N, C-alpha and C. Protein backbone atom coordinates (compact mmCIF):
# COMPACT_ATOMS: atom_id res chain seq x y z
N UNK A 1 0.84 -1.16 0.00
CA UNK A 1 0.00 0.00 0.00
C UNK A 1 0.90 1.24 0.00
N UNK A 2 0.48 2.26 -0.75
CA UNK A 2 1.24 3.49 -0.83
C UNK A 2 0.94 4.39 0.36
N UNK A 3 1.91 5.23 0.71
CA UNK A 3 1.72 6.22 1.76
C UNK A 3 1.81 7.58 1.12
N UNK A 4 0.81 8.42 1.37
CA UNK A 4 0.74 9.73 0.74
C UNK A 4 1.15 10.80 1.72
N UNK A 5 1.84 11.82 1.21
CA UNK A 5 2.29 12.93 2.04
C UNK A 5 1.58 14.22 1.67
N UNK A 6 0.84 14.23 0.54
CA UNK A 6 0.15 15.45 0.12
C UNK A 6 -1.06 15.10 -0.73
N UNK A 7 -2.04 15.98 -0.69
CA UNK A 7 -3.20 15.87 -1.57
C UNK A 7 -3.34 17.17 -2.34
N UNK A 8 -3.90 17.09 -3.53
CA UNK A 8 -4.13 18.27 -4.35
C UNK A 8 -5.62 18.59 -4.32
N UNK A 9 -5.94 19.84 -4.07
CA UNK A 9 -7.31 20.30 -4.10
C UNK A 9 -7.43 21.31 -5.23
N UNK A 10 -8.37 21.07 -6.14
CA UNK A 10 -8.65 21.99 -7.24
C UNK A 10 -10.09 22.45 -7.12
N UNK A 11 -10.31 23.75 -7.22
CA UNK A 11 -11.64 24.33 -7.11
C UNK A 11 -11.88 25.20 -8.34
N UNK A 12 -12.98 24.95 -9.05
CA UNK A 12 -13.34 25.76 -10.20
C UNK A 12 -14.56 26.60 -9.88
N UNK A 13 -14.50 27.89 -10.24
CA UNK A 13 -15.59 28.82 -9.95
C UNK A 13 -16.09 29.43 -11.26
N UNK A 14 -17.40 29.47 -11.43
CA UNK A 14 -17.97 30.04 -12.64
C UNK A 14 -18.30 31.52 -12.48
N UNK A 15 -18.55 31.95 -11.24
CA UNK A 15 -18.90 33.36 -11.00
C UNK A 15 -18.15 33.85 -9.76
N UNK A 16 -16.96 34.35 -9.96
CA UNK A 16 -16.17 34.82 -8.82
C UNK A 16 -15.92 33.69 -7.85
N UNK A 17 -16.21 33.93 -6.57
CA UNK A 17 -16.05 32.90 -5.55
C UNK A 17 -17.41 32.43 -5.05
N UNK A 18 -18.45 32.62 -5.87
CA UNK A 18 -19.81 32.28 -5.43
C UNK A 18 -20.19 30.86 -5.84
N UNK A 19 -20.10 30.54 -7.10
CA UNK A 19 -20.50 29.23 -7.61
C UNK A 19 -19.25 28.40 -7.86
N UNK A 20 -18.76 27.73 -6.81
CA UNK A 20 -17.50 26.97 -6.90
C UNK A 20 -17.76 25.50 -6.61
N UNK A 21 -16.94 24.66 -7.22
CA UNK A 21 -17.03 23.22 -6.96
C UNK A 21 -15.65 22.60 -7.00
N UNK A 22 -15.55 21.48 -6.29
CA UNK A 22 -14.29 20.74 -6.27
C UNK A 22 -14.14 20.00 -7.59
N UNK A 23 -12.94 20.03 -8.15
CA UNK A 23 -12.64 19.38 -9.41
C UNK A 23 -11.76 18.16 -9.17
N UNK A 24 -11.81 17.18 -10.06
CA UNK A 24 -10.94 16.01 -9.88
C UNK A 24 -9.47 16.39 -10.06
N UNK A 25 -8.66 15.88 -9.17
CA UNK A 25 -7.20 16.09 -9.26
C UNK A 25 -6.61 14.96 -10.10
N UNK A 26 -5.40 15.16 -10.63
CA UNK A 26 -4.78 14.12 -11.46
C UNK A 26 -4.47 12.83 -10.70
N UNK A 27 -4.41 12.89 -9.37
CA UNK A 27 -4.14 11.69 -8.56
C UNK A 27 -4.82 11.86 -7.21
N UNK A 28 -5.09 10.74 -6.54
CA UNK A 28 -5.71 10.78 -5.22
C UNK A 28 -4.77 11.39 -4.19
N UNK A 29 -3.52 11.03 -4.26
CA UNK A 29 -2.54 11.54 -3.32
C UNK A 29 -1.15 11.47 -3.93
N UNK A 30 -0.22 12.13 -3.28
CA UNK A 30 1.15 12.21 -3.77
C UNK A 30 2.10 11.80 -2.66
N UNK A 31 3.17 11.12 -3.04
CA UNK A 31 4.14 10.66 -2.05
C UNK A 31 4.93 11.81 -1.44
N UNK A 32 5.11 12.89 -2.19
CA UNK A 32 5.81 14.06 -1.67
C UNK A 32 5.03 15.32 -2.04
N UNK A 33 5.23 16.37 -1.27
CA UNK A 33 4.60 17.65 -1.57
C UNK A 33 5.18 18.22 -2.86
N UNK A 34 6.46 17.97 -3.11
CA UNK A 34 7.11 18.47 -4.33
C UNK A 34 6.47 17.87 -5.58
N UNK A 35 6.17 16.56 -5.52
CA UNK A 35 5.52 15.90 -6.65
C UNK A 35 4.15 16.54 -6.92
N UNK A 36 3.43 16.83 -5.88
CA UNK A 36 2.13 17.49 -6.02
C UNK A 36 2.30 18.88 -6.64
N UNK A 37 3.28 19.63 -6.15
CA UNK A 37 3.51 20.99 -6.66
C UNK A 37 3.87 20.99 -8.15
N UNK A 38 4.62 19.98 -8.59
CA UNK A 38 5.01 19.88 -10.00
C UNK A 38 3.79 19.72 -10.91
N UNK A 39 2.77 19.03 -10.45
CA UNK A 39 1.59 18.76 -11.26
C UNK A 39 0.47 19.77 -11.03
N UNK A 40 0.63 20.67 -10.06
CA UNK A 40 -0.43 21.61 -9.72
C UNK A 40 -0.73 22.59 -10.86
N UNK A 41 0.28 23.29 -11.35
CA UNK A 41 0.02 24.30 -12.39
C UNK A 41 -0.53 23.69 -13.67
N UNK A 42 0.00 22.54 -14.15
CA UNK A 42 -0.62 21.93 -15.33
C UNK A 42 -2.09 21.56 -15.10
N UNK A 43 -2.44 21.11 -13.89
CA UNK A 43 -3.83 20.77 -13.59
C UNK A 43 -4.70 22.02 -13.58
N UNK A 44 -4.18 23.12 -13.04
CA UNK A 44 -4.92 24.39 -13.04
C UNK A 44 -5.10 24.87 -14.48
N UNK A 45 -4.04 24.82 -15.27
CA UNK A 45 -4.11 25.26 -16.67
C UNK A 45 -5.16 24.48 -17.44
N UNK A 46 -5.24 23.18 -17.21
CA UNK A 46 -6.20 22.33 -17.92
C UNK A 46 -7.64 22.70 -17.56
N UNK A 47 -7.88 23.06 -16.31
CA UNK A 47 -9.24 23.38 -15.86
C UNK A 47 -9.65 24.81 -16.19
N UNK A 48 -8.70 25.71 -16.46
CA UNK A 48 -9.03 27.12 -16.67
C UNK A 48 -9.92 27.35 -17.88
N UNK A 49 -9.90 26.51 -18.88
CA UNK A 49 -10.76 26.70 -20.03
C UNK A 49 -12.23 26.45 -19.72
N UNK A 50 -12.51 25.73 -18.64
CA UNK A 50 -13.88 25.36 -18.29
C UNK A 50 -14.48 26.24 -17.21
N UNK A 51 -13.65 26.96 -16.47
CA UNK A 51 -14.12 27.78 -15.35
C UNK A 51 -13.52 29.17 -15.43
N UNK A 52 -14.27 30.15 -14.93
CA UNK A 52 -13.80 31.54 -14.94
C UNK A 52 -12.56 31.68 -14.06
N UNK A 53 -12.61 31.06 -12.89
CA UNK A 53 -11.48 31.10 -11.96
C UNK A 53 -11.20 29.69 -11.45
N UNK A 54 -9.93 29.32 -11.39
CA UNK A 54 -9.54 28.02 -10.84
C UNK A 54 -8.53 28.26 -9.73
N UNK A 55 -8.80 27.66 -8.58
CA UNK A 55 -7.90 27.73 -7.44
C UNK A 55 -7.35 26.33 -7.20
N UNK A 56 -6.12 26.25 -6.78
CA UNK A 56 -5.53 24.95 -6.49
C UNK A 56 -4.44 25.07 -5.45
N UNK A 57 -4.27 24.02 -4.69
CA UNK A 57 -3.21 23.98 -3.70
C UNK A 57 -2.87 22.52 -3.38
N UNK A 58 -1.66 22.34 -2.90
CA UNK A 58 -1.22 21.05 -2.38
C UNK A 58 -1.18 21.17 -0.86
N UNK A 59 -1.81 20.23 -0.20
CA UNK A 59 -1.88 20.26 1.25
C UNK A 59 -1.17 19.03 1.81
N UNK A 60 -0.26 19.26 2.71
CA UNK A 60 0.47 18.16 3.33
C UNK A 60 -0.44 17.40 4.29
N UNK A 61 -0.31 16.09 4.31
CA UNK A 61 -1.03 15.24 5.25
C UNK A 61 -0.04 14.28 5.89
N UNK A 62 -0.37 13.82 7.07
CA UNK A 62 0.47 12.86 7.77
C UNK A 62 0.31 11.50 7.08
N UNK A 63 1.38 10.98 6.48
CA UNK A 63 1.24 9.71 5.75
C UNK A 63 0.72 8.57 6.62
N UNK A 64 1.01 8.59 7.90
CA UNK A 64 0.55 7.53 8.78
C UNK A 64 -0.96 7.57 8.98
N UNK A 65 -1.55 8.74 8.80
CA UNK A 65 -2.98 8.88 9.01
C UNK A 65 -3.79 8.83 7.73
N UNK A 66 -3.16 8.73 6.59
CA UNK A 66 -3.87 8.84 5.31
C UNK A 66 -4.91 7.74 5.12
N UNK A 67 -4.72 6.58 5.74
CA UNK A 67 -5.68 5.50 5.57
C UNK A 67 -6.92 5.70 6.45
N UNK A 68 -6.88 6.63 7.37
CA UNK A 68 -8.02 6.92 8.24
C UNK A 68 -9.05 7.74 7.48
N UNK A 69 -10.28 7.75 7.99
CA UNK A 69 -11.30 8.62 7.42
C UNK A 69 -10.95 10.06 7.73
N UNK A 70 -11.14 10.92 6.75
CA UNK A 70 -10.78 12.32 6.92
C UNK A 70 -11.88 13.20 6.35
N UNK A 71 -11.93 14.41 6.85
CA UNK A 71 -12.82 15.43 6.33
C UNK A 71 -11.96 16.52 5.74
N UNK A 72 -12.25 16.87 4.48
CA UNK A 72 -11.53 17.95 3.81
C UNK A 72 -12.50 19.10 3.63
N UNK A 73 -12.19 20.22 4.25
CA UNK A 73 -13.03 21.41 4.13
C UNK A 73 -12.22 22.50 3.43
N UNK A 74 -12.84 23.19 2.48
CA UNK A 74 -12.14 24.25 1.76
C UNK A 74 -13.02 25.49 1.72
N UNK A 75 -12.35 26.62 1.55
CA UNK A 75 -13.03 27.90 1.52
C UNK A 75 -12.21 28.86 0.67
N UNK A 76 -12.88 29.68 -0.12
CA UNK A 76 -12.21 30.76 -0.84
C UNK A 76 -12.29 31.99 0.05
N UNK A 77 -11.15 32.50 0.47
CA UNK A 77 -11.12 33.65 1.38
C UNK A 77 -11.48 34.93 0.63
N UNK A 78 -11.84 36.00 1.35
CA UNK A 78 -12.16 37.27 0.69
C UNK A 78 -11.01 37.80 -0.18
N UNK A 79 -9.78 37.43 0.14
CA UNK A 79 -8.63 37.86 -0.67
C UNK A 79 -8.42 36.96 -1.89
N UNK A 80 -9.26 35.91 -2.05
CA UNK A 80 -9.16 35.04 -3.21
C UNK A 80 -8.24 33.85 -3.03
N UNK A 81 -7.79 33.60 -1.82
CA UNK A 81 -6.92 32.45 -1.56
C UNK A 81 -7.77 31.22 -1.24
N UNK A 82 -7.23 30.06 -1.55
CA UNK A 82 -7.88 28.79 -1.23
C UNK A 82 -7.36 28.31 0.12
N UNK A 83 -8.26 28.18 1.08
CA UNK A 83 -7.92 27.71 2.41
C UNK A 83 -8.44 26.28 2.55
N UNK A 84 -7.56 25.33 2.87
CA UNK A 84 -7.93 23.92 2.98
C UNK A 84 -7.59 23.43 4.38
N UNK A 85 -8.54 22.73 4.99
CA UNK A 85 -8.33 22.12 6.29
C UNK A 85 -8.62 20.63 6.18
N UNK A 86 -7.67 19.81 6.62
CA UNK A 86 -7.85 18.36 6.64
C UNK A 86 -7.89 17.92 8.09
N UNK A 87 -8.98 17.28 8.48
CA UNK A 87 -9.09 16.75 9.84
C UNK A 87 -9.38 15.27 9.75
N UNK A 88 -8.71 14.50 10.57
CA UNK A 88 -8.90 13.06 10.56
C UNK A 88 -9.94 12.71 11.61
N UNK A 89 -10.94 11.93 11.18
CA UNK A 89 -12.05 11.56 12.04
C UNK A 89 -11.60 10.50 13.03
N UNK A 90 -12.21 10.54 14.21
CA UNK A 90 -11.93 9.51 15.20
C UNK A 90 -12.52 8.19 14.71
N UNK A 91 -11.80 7.10 14.92
CA UNK A 91 -12.36 5.81 14.50
C UNK A 91 -13.65 5.54 15.25
N UNK A 92 -14.58 4.88 14.58
CA UNK A 92 -15.86 4.57 15.19
C UNK A 92 -15.65 3.62 16.36
N UNK A 93 -16.28 3.95 17.46
CA UNK A 93 -16.20 3.10 18.64
C UNK A 93 -17.26 2.00 18.53
N UNK A 94 -16.98 0.83 19.09
CA UNK A 94 -17.99 -0.23 19.04
C UNK A 94 -19.21 0.17 19.87
N UNK A 95 -20.38 -0.28 19.44
CA UNK A 95 -21.61 0.01 20.14
C UNK A 95 -21.92 -1.16 21.06
N UNK A 96 -22.19 -0.84 22.32
CA UNK A 96 -22.54 -1.86 23.30
C UNK A 96 -23.95 -1.56 23.79
N UNK A 97 -24.81 -2.58 23.78
CA UNK A 97 -26.19 -2.42 24.22
C UNK A 97 -26.40 -3.31 25.43
N UNK A 98 -26.97 -2.73 26.49
CA UNK A 98 -27.26 -3.50 27.70
C UNK A 98 -28.78 -3.60 27.85
N UNK A 99 -29.24 -4.73 28.41
CA UNK A 99 -30.67 -4.94 28.56
C UNK A 99 -30.91 -5.74 29.83
N UNK A 100 -32.10 -5.53 30.41
CA UNK A 100 -32.47 -6.30 31.59
C UNK A 100 -32.51 -7.78 31.24
N UNK A 101 -32.18 -8.62 32.19
CA UNK A 101 -32.25 -10.05 31.95
C UNK A 101 -33.69 -10.51 32.08
N UNK A 102 -33.95 -11.70 31.60
CA UNK A 102 -35.29 -12.25 31.69
C UNK A 102 -36.10 -12.03 30.43
N UNK A 103 -35.54 -11.33 29.45
CA UNK A 103 -36.24 -11.13 28.18
C UNK A 103 -35.45 -11.84 27.09
N UNK A 104 -36.15 -12.20 26.04
CA UNK A 104 -35.49 -12.85 24.89
C UNK A 104 -34.62 -11.79 24.19
N UNK A 105 -33.32 -12.10 23.96
CA UNK A 105 -32.46 -11.12 23.30
C UNK A 105 -32.90 -10.90 21.84
N UNK A 106 -32.79 -9.65 21.41
CA UNK A 106 -33.11 -9.26 20.04
C UNK A 106 -31.88 -8.60 19.46
N UNK A 107 -31.45 -9.07 18.30
CA UNK A 107 -30.31 -8.48 17.63
C UNK A 107 -30.84 -7.49 16.58
N UNK A 108 -30.20 -6.33 16.52
CA UNK A 108 -30.65 -5.31 15.58
C UNK A 108 -29.48 -4.50 15.11
N UNK A 109 -29.58 -3.98 13.91
CA UNK A 109 -28.56 -3.07 13.38
C UNK A 109 -29.11 -1.69 13.35
């Protein structure tokens, strides 16, 4: 399994910073931030013909945590910069159900 050290986020906007959407990046993740940076401008250039404004950035992630569930939140700041936050979700805890004795157990999901 590969370990990633960076992800690329591309955002295309049709009307300023109002109507924006996340665009597919050339890869899910990159082994180094430098590798991501090398492919960033070509990816932005390719998307610019389809959107009025394209924002892109490479965001470093902890390779040890990349296999965990994560939330990626992005925002276009008033100055026009792309702000990206990556937070790793806590692993789901097992659910334990307790019940009074003397009743027939019922299994449910």
